[in-house]
Amino acid sequence: MNAEEQPIKNLTLEELLPNVDATHKLGYRLVQVCCTKIGENSFEITYSFDKDMKFANLRVTVGIEAELPSITGIYPGAFLYENEIRELFGVQFKGISVDYKGHLYKKKVENPYNEKKKVQ
């Protein structure tokens, strides 16, 4: 069995919302938003979409100081992913429609997947 090709389009922060909006207008549904720590203070945020059982992915690479625009104005359900990424990694989002302000999860350590942000 051959694996399905899953293209990943790398974007700048400025390109993110226009590309997410275009993806939405093409009829794609949001499947997931994933954050991966790729360096001391760098993260990849990958947005995965599906249409007719075909995946498309948009990716931005940001530093810990970056503030990503929320996609909740386009995909309202993204608020859970964005709150989770902020709490677990410390990556900030601007304009989340439902903002838990760091209280989505009960956790002993602030930003547990970002060693630099641990509370002592």
N, C-alpha and C. Protein backbone atom coordinates (compact mmCIF):
# COMPACT_ATOMS: atom_id res chain seq x y z
N MET A 1 0.84 -1.17 0.00
CA MET A 1 0.00 0.00 0.00
C MET A 1 0.89 1.24 0.00
N ASN A 2 0.58 2.18 -0.85
CA ASN A 2 1.34 3.43 -0.91
C ASN A 2 0.77 4.44 0.07
N ALA A 3 1.65 5.17 0.70
CA ALA A 3 1.22 6.20 1.63
C ALA A 3 0.70 7.40 0.84
N GLU A 4 -0.33 8.01 1.37
CA GLU A 4 -0.89 9.20 0.74
C GLU A 4 0.08 10.37 0.86
N GLU A 5 0.25 11.11 -0.19
CA GLU A 5 1.07 12.31 -0.14
C GLU A 5 0.35 13.36 0.69
N GLN A 6 1.08 13.97 1.61
CA GLN A 6 0.51 15.01 2.46
C GLN A 6 1.37 16.26 2.36
N PRO A 7 1.05 17.11 1.41
CA PRO A 7 1.89 18.30 1.21
C PRO A 7 1.88 19.22 2.43
N ILE A 8 3.03 19.83 2.69
CA ILE A 8 3.17 20.81 3.76
C ILE A 8 3.64 22.10 3.13
N LYS A 9 2.87 23.15 3.30
CA LYS A 9 3.21 24.47 2.77
C LYS A 9 3.78 25.30 3.91
N ASN A 10 5.06 25.67 3.81
CA ASN A 10 5.70 26.50 4.82
C ASN A 10 5.36 27.97 4.58
N LEU A 11 4.95 28.65 5.65
CA LEU A 11 4.47 30.03 5.55
C LEU A 11 5.18 30.93 6.55
N THR A 12 5.10 32.23 6.28
CA THR A 12 5.49 33.23 7.27
C THR A 12 4.25 33.53 8.11
N LEU A 13 4.42 34.22 9.22
CA LEU A 13 3.27 34.60 10.05
C LEU A 13 2.28 35.45 9.25
N GLU A 14 2.80 36.34 8.40
CA GLU A 14 1.94 37.21 7.61
C GLU A 14 1.11 36.43 6.59
N GLU A 15 1.61 35.30 6.15
CA GLU A 15 0.90 34.49 5.16
C GLU A 15 -0.11 33.53 5.78
N LEU A 16 -0.05 33.34 7.10
CA LEU A 16 -0.87 32.32 7.74
C LEU A 16 -2.37 32.54 7.54
N LEU A 17 -2.91 33.67 7.99
CA LEU A 17 -4.36 33.87 7.92
C LEU A 17 -4.90 33.86 6.49
N PRO A 18 -4.24 34.53 5.52
CA PRO A 18 -4.76 34.44 4.15
C PRO A 18 -4.79 33.00 3.62
N ASN A 19 -3.80 32.19 3.97
CA ASN A 19 -3.77 30.80 3.52
C ASN A 19 -4.82 29.95 4.23
N VAL A 20 -5.02 30.18 5.52
CA VAL A 20 -6.06 29.45 6.25
C VAL A 20 -7.43 29.82 5.68
N ASP A 21 -7.64 31.10 5.40
CA ASP A 21 -8.91 31.55 4.83
C ASP A 21 -9.14 30.92 3.45
N ALA A 22 -8.11 30.88 2.63
CA ALA A 22 -8.23 30.27 1.30
C ALA A 22 -8.55 28.78 1.41
N THR A 23 -7.92 28.11 2.36
CA THR A 23 -8.18 26.69 2.59
C THR A 23 -9.64 26.48 2.99
N HIS A 24 -10.14 27.33 3.88
CA HIS A 24 -11.53 27.26 4.31
C HIS A 24 -12.48 27.46 3.13
N LYS A 25 -12.20 28.45 2.31
CA LYS A 25 -13.06 28.75 1.15
C LYS A 25 -13.07 27.61 0.14
N LEU A 26 -12.02 26.80 0.12
CA LEU A 26 -11.97 25.64 -0.77
C LEU A 26 -12.75 24.45 -0.20
N GLY A 27 -13.27 24.60 1.03
CA GLY A 27 -14.10 23.56 1.61
C GLY A 27 -13.38 22.58 2.51
N TYR A 28 -12.17 22.91 2.93
CA TYR A 28 -11.43 22.02 3.82
C TYR A 28 -11.93 22.19 5.26
N ARG A 29 -11.88 21.11 6.03
CA ARG A 29 -12.20 21.16 7.45
C ARG A 29 -10.90 21.10 8.24
N LEU A 30 -10.85 21.73 9.38
CA LEU A 30 -9.69 21.68 10.25
C LEU A 30 -9.65 20.33 10.95
N VAL A 31 -8.52 19.66 10.88
CA VAL A 31 -8.36 18.34 11.51
C VAL A 31 -7.60 18.48 12.83
N GLN A 32 -6.51 19.23 12.80
CA GLN A 32 -5.72 19.39 14.01
C GLN A 32 -4.73 20.53 13.85
N VAL A 33 -4.25 21.03 15.00
CA VAL A 33 -3.15 21.98 15.04
C VAL A 33 -2.12 21.38 15.98
N CYS A 34 -0.90 21.23 15.49
CA CYS A 34 0.14 20.54 16.25
C CYS A 34 1.33 21.47 16.46
N CYS A 35 1.89 21.44 17.64
CA CYS A 35 3.10 22.21 17.95
C CYS A 35 4.23 21.25 18.26
N THR A 36 5.40 21.53 17.69
CA THR A 36 6.59 20.74 17.95
C THR A 36 7.74 21.68 18.28
N LYS A 37 8.43 21.42 19.36
CA LYS A 37 9.61 22.21 19.71
C LYS A 37 10.75 21.74 18.83
N ILE A 38 11.39 22.67 18.12
CA ILE A 38 12.45 22.27 17.18
C ILE A 38 13.81 22.85 17.52
N GLY A 39 13.90 23.59 18.55
CA GLY A 39 15.18 24.17 18.95
C GLY A 39 15.05 24.71 20.36
N GLU A 40 16.06 25.40 20.80
CA GLU A 40 16.07 25.96 22.14
C GLU A 40 14.82 26.82 22.40
N ASN A 41 14.47 27.66 21.43
CA ASN A 41 13.31 28.54 21.57
C ASN A 41 12.53 28.66 20.27
N SER A 42 12.46 27.58 19.49
CA SER A 42 11.74 27.59 18.22
C SER A 42 10.70 26.49 18.18
N PHE A 43 9.62 26.77 17.46
CA PHE A 43 8.50 25.84 17.37
C PHE A 43 7.97 25.79 15.95
N GLU A 44 7.50 24.62 15.56
CA GLU A 44 6.75 24.47 14.33
C GLU A 44 5.29 24.29 14.71
N ILE A 45 4.44 25.09 14.12
CA ILE A 45 3.00 24.95 14.32
C ILE A 45 2.45 24.47 12.98
N THR A 46 1.86 23.28 12.97
CA THR A 46 1.33 22.69 11.75
C THR A 46 -0.19 22.60 11.84
N TYR A 47 -0.84 23.18 10.86
CA TYR A 47 -2.30 23.17 10.74
C TYR A 47 -2.65 22.15 9.68
N SER A 48 -3.44 21.13 10.04
CA SER A 48 -3.81 20.07 9.10
C SER A 48 -5.29 20.17 8.75
N PHE A 49 -5.56 20.02 7.46
CA PHE A 49 -6.92 20.15 6.93
C PHE A 49 -7.23 18.93 6.07
N ASP A 50 -8.53 18.65 5.93
CA ASP A 50 -8.96 17.52 5.11
C ASP A 50 -10.11 17.95 4.21
N LYS A 51 -10.07 17.44 2.99
CA LYS A 51 -11.19 17.58 2.06
C LYS A 51 -11.20 16.34 1.19
N ASP A 52 -12.33 15.67 1.15
CA ASP A 52 -12.47 14.46 0.33
C ASP A 52 -11.38 13.44 0.62
N MET A 53 -11.06 13.30 1.92
CA MET A 53 -10.08 12.32 2.39
C MET A 53 -8.65 12.60 1.90
N LYS A 54 -8.36 13.85 1.60
CA LYS A 54 -7.01 14.29 1.22
C LYS A 54 -6.56 15.37 2.20
N PHE A 55 -5.35 15.20 2.70
CA PHE A 55 -4.81 16.15 3.66
C PHE A 55 -4.04 17.27 2.99
N ALA A 56 -4.10 18.43 3.61
CA ALA A 56 -3.27 19.58 3.25
C ALA A 56 -2.77 20.16 4.57
N ASN A 57 -1.53 20.60 4.60
CA ASN A 57 -0.93 21.11 5.84
C ASN A 57 -0.29 22.46 5.59
N LEU A 58 -0.49 23.36 6.55
CA LEU A 58 0.17 24.66 6.55
C LEU A 58 1.06 24.71 7.78
N ARG A 59 2.27 25.25 7.62
CA ARG A 59 3.21 25.25 8.75
C ARG A 59 3.90 26.60 8.88
N VAL A 60 4.00 27.07 10.11
CA VAL A 60 4.79 28.24 10.44
C VAL A 60 5.84 27.84 11.46
N THR A 61 7.00 28.41 11.35
CA THR A 61 8.07 28.21 12.33
C THR A 61 8.27 29.55 13.03
N VAL A 62 8.20 29.51 14.37
CA VAL A 62 8.26 30.74 15.15
C VAL A 62 9.19 30.59 16.34
N GLY A 63 9.63 31.71 16.85
CA GLY A 63 10.37 31.75 18.09
C GLY A 63 9.40 31.90 19.25
N ILE A 64 9.88 31.68 20.46
CA ILE A 64 9.04 31.74 21.65
C ILE A 64 8.44 33.13 21.87
N GLU A 65 9.09 34.15 21.36
CA GLU A 65 8.59 35.51 21.55
C GLU A 65 7.51 35.89 20.54
N ALA A 66 7.29 35.07 19.54
CA ALA A 66 6.30 35.38 18.49
C ALA A 66 4.88 35.29 19.05
N GLU A 67 3.99 36.03 18.42
CA GLU A 67 2.58 35.96 18.74
C GLU A 67 1.85 35.62 17.44
N LEU A 68 1.22 34.46 17.41
CA LEU A 68 0.52 34.02 16.22
C LEU A 68 -0.89 34.58 16.19
N PRO A 69 -1.39 34.88 15.00
CA PRO A 69 -2.79 35.29 14.92
C PRO A 69 -3.68 34.07 15.11
N SER A 70 -4.74 34.22 15.86
CA SER A 70 -5.68 33.12 16.05
C SER A 70 -6.42 32.86 14.74
N ILE A 71 -6.72 31.60 14.47
CA ILE A 71 -7.53 31.26 13.30
C ILE A 71 -8.99 31.03 13.68
N THR A 72 -9.37 31.36 14.92
CA THR A 72 -10.73 31.09 15.38
C THR A 72 -11.78 31.93 14.66
N GLY A 73 -11.39 33.00 14.01
CA GLY A 73 -12.33 33.77 13.21
C GLY A 73 -12.72 33.03 11.93
N ILE A 74 -11.92 32.04 11.55
CA ILE A 74 -12.16 31.25 10.34
C ILE A 74 -12.64 29.85 10.73
N TYR A 75 -11.95 29.24 11.68
CA TYR A 75 -12.30 27.91 12.20
C TYR A 75 -12.54 28.06 13.70
N PRO A 76 -13.78 28.29 14.13
CA PRO A 76 -14.06 28.56 15.55
C PRO A 76 -13.54 27.49 16.52
N GLY A 77 -13.57 26.23 16.12
CA GLY A 77 -13.12 25.15 17.01
C GLY A 77 -11.64 25.14 17.30
N ALA A 78 -10.87 25.97 16.61
CA ALA A 78 -9.43 26.02 16.83
C ALA A 78 -9.07 26.59 18.21
N PHE A 79 -10.05 27.15 18.92
CA PHE A 79 -9.74 27.74 20.22
C PHE A 79 -9.14 26.72 21.18
N LEU A 80 -9.56 25.47 21.10
CA LEU A 80 -9.01 24.45 22.00
C LEU A 80 -7.54 24.18 21.67
N TYR A 81 -7.21 24.03 20.41
CA TYR A 81 -5.81 23.81 20.01
C TYR A 81 -4.93 24.98 20.43
N GLU A 82 -5.40 26.19 20.19
CA GLU A 82 -4.59 27.37 20.49
C GLU A 82 -4.38 27.54 21.99
N ASN A 83 -5.41 27.33 22.80
CA ASN A 83 -5.25 27.38 24.25
C ASN A 83 -4.28 26.31 24.73
N GLU A 84 -4.40 25.11 24.18
CA GLU A 84 -3.53 24.00 24.58
C GLU A 84 -2.07 24.30 24.24
N ILE A 85 -1.81 24.78 23.04
CA ILE A 85 -0.43 25.08 22.63
C ILE A 85 0.15 26.17 23.51
N ARG A 86 -0.63 27.18 23.83
CA ARG A 86 -0.13 28.25 24.70
C ARG A 86 0.22 27.69 26.07
N GLU A 87 -0.66 26.84 26.63
CA GLU A 87 -0.41 26.33 27.98
C GLU A 87 0.73 25.32 28.04
N LEU A 88 0.84 24.48 27.04
CA LEU A 88 1.85 23.42 27.11
C LEU A 88 3.22 23.85 26.58
N PHE A 89 3.24 24.80 25.63
CA PHE A 89 4.51 25.20 25.02
C PHE A 89 4.89 26.65 25.31
N GLY A 90 3.93 27.49 25.66
CA GLY A 90 4.21 28.90 25.91
C GLY A 90 4.14 29.76 24.66
N VAL A 91 3.68 29.22 23.55
CA VAL A 91 3.52 29.98 22.32
C VAL A 91 2.24 30.81 22.44
N GLN A 92 2.33 32.10 22.12
CA GLN A 92 1.20 33.01 22.30
C GLN A 92 0.36 33.15 21.04
N PHE A 93 -0.95 33.32 21.23
CA PHE A 93 -1.90 33.56 20.15
C PHE A 93 -2.65 34.85 20.44
N LYS A 94 -2.89 35.61 19.41
CA LYS A 94 -3.59 36.89 19.53
C LYS A 94 -5.01 36.73 18.99
N GLY A 95 -6.02 37.07 19.81
CA GLY A 95 -7.39 37.10 19.34
C GLY A 95 -8.15 35.78 19.40
N ILE A 96 -7.80 34.89 20.34
CA ILE A 96 -8.53 33.63 20.47
C ILE A 96 -9.97 33.95 20.88
N SER A 97 -10.94 33.36 20.19
CA SER A 97 -12.34 33.67 20.47
C SER A 97 -12.78 33.23 21.87
N VAL A 98 -12.33 32.07 22.32
CA VAL A 98 -12.59 31.60 23.68
C VAL A 98 -11.23 31.40 24.32
N ASP A 99 -10.85 32.34 25.18
CA ASP A 99 -9.50 32.35 25.75
C ASP A 99 -9.56 31.91 27.21
N TYR A 100 -8.94 30.77 27.50
CA TYR A 100 -8.92 30.25 28.86
C TYR A 100 -7.85 30.91 29.74
N LYS A 101 -7.06 31.79 29.16
CA LYS A 101 -6.06 32.58 29.88
C LYS A 101 -5.17 31.72 30.77
N GLY A 102 -4.73 30.58 30.23
CA GLY A 102 -3.81 29.71 30.96
C GLY A 102 -4.47 28.74 31.91
N HIS A 103 -5.79 28.58 31.85
CA HIS A 103 -6.49 27.71 32.79
C HIS A 103 -7.30 26.61 32.10
N LEU A 104 -6.86 26.16 30.95
CA LEU A 104 -7.53 25.04 30.27
C LEU A 104 -7.24 23.74 31.01
N TYR A 105 -6.00 23.57 31.45
CA TYR A 105 -5.57 22.36 32.14
C TYR A 105 -5.13 22.69 33.56
N LYS A 106 -5.26 21.70 34.45
CA LYS A 106 -4.62 21.78 35.76
C LYS A 106 -3.26 21.16 35.58
N LYS A 107 -2.20 21.90 35.88
CA LYS A 107 -0.85 21.37 35.71
C LYS A 107 0.05 21.93 36.80
N LYS A 108 1.04 21.15 37.16
CA LYS A 108 1.99 21.55 38.21
C LYS A 108 3.07 22.47 37.66
N VAL A 109 3.36 22.34 36.35
CA VAL A 109 4.46 23.08 35.73
C VAL A 109 3.90 23.95 34.61
N GLU A 110 4.28 25.22 34.61
CA GLU A 110 3.88 26.10 33.52
C GLU A 110 4.63 25.71 32.26
N ASN A 111 3.94 25.60 31.14
CA ASN A 111 4.53 25.26 29.84
C ASN A 111 5.44 24.03 29.92
N PRO A 112 4.91 22.87 30.27
CA PRO A 112 5.74 21.69 30.51
C PRO A 112 6.54 21.21 29.30
N TYR A 113 6.15 21.58 28.08
CA TYR A 113 6.91 21.13 26.90
C TYR A 113 7.92 22.17 26.42
N ASN A 114 8.17 23.16 27.26
CA ASN A 114 9.18 24.17 26.96
C ASN A 114 10.03 24.37 28.21
N GLU A 115 11.13 23.66 28.27
CA GLU A 115 11.99 23.65 29.46
C GLU A 115 12.38 25.04 29.93
N LYS A 116 12.56 25.99 29.02
CA LYS A 116 12.99 27.33 29.39
C LYS A 116 11.92 28.07 30.19
N LYS A 117 10.66 27.66 30.08
CA LYS A 117 9.57 28.38 30.71
C LYS A 117 9.09 27.75 32.00
N LYS A 118 9.78 26.73 32.52
CA LYS A 118 9.33 26.04 33.71
C LYS A 118 9.34 26.97 34.93
N VAL A 119 8.33 26.81 35.76
CA VAL A 119 8.24 27.55 37.01
C VAL A 119 9.07 26.80 38.05
N GLN A 120 9.88 27.49 38.78
CA GLN A 120 10.74 26.88 39.80
C GLN A 120 10.03 26.81 41.13
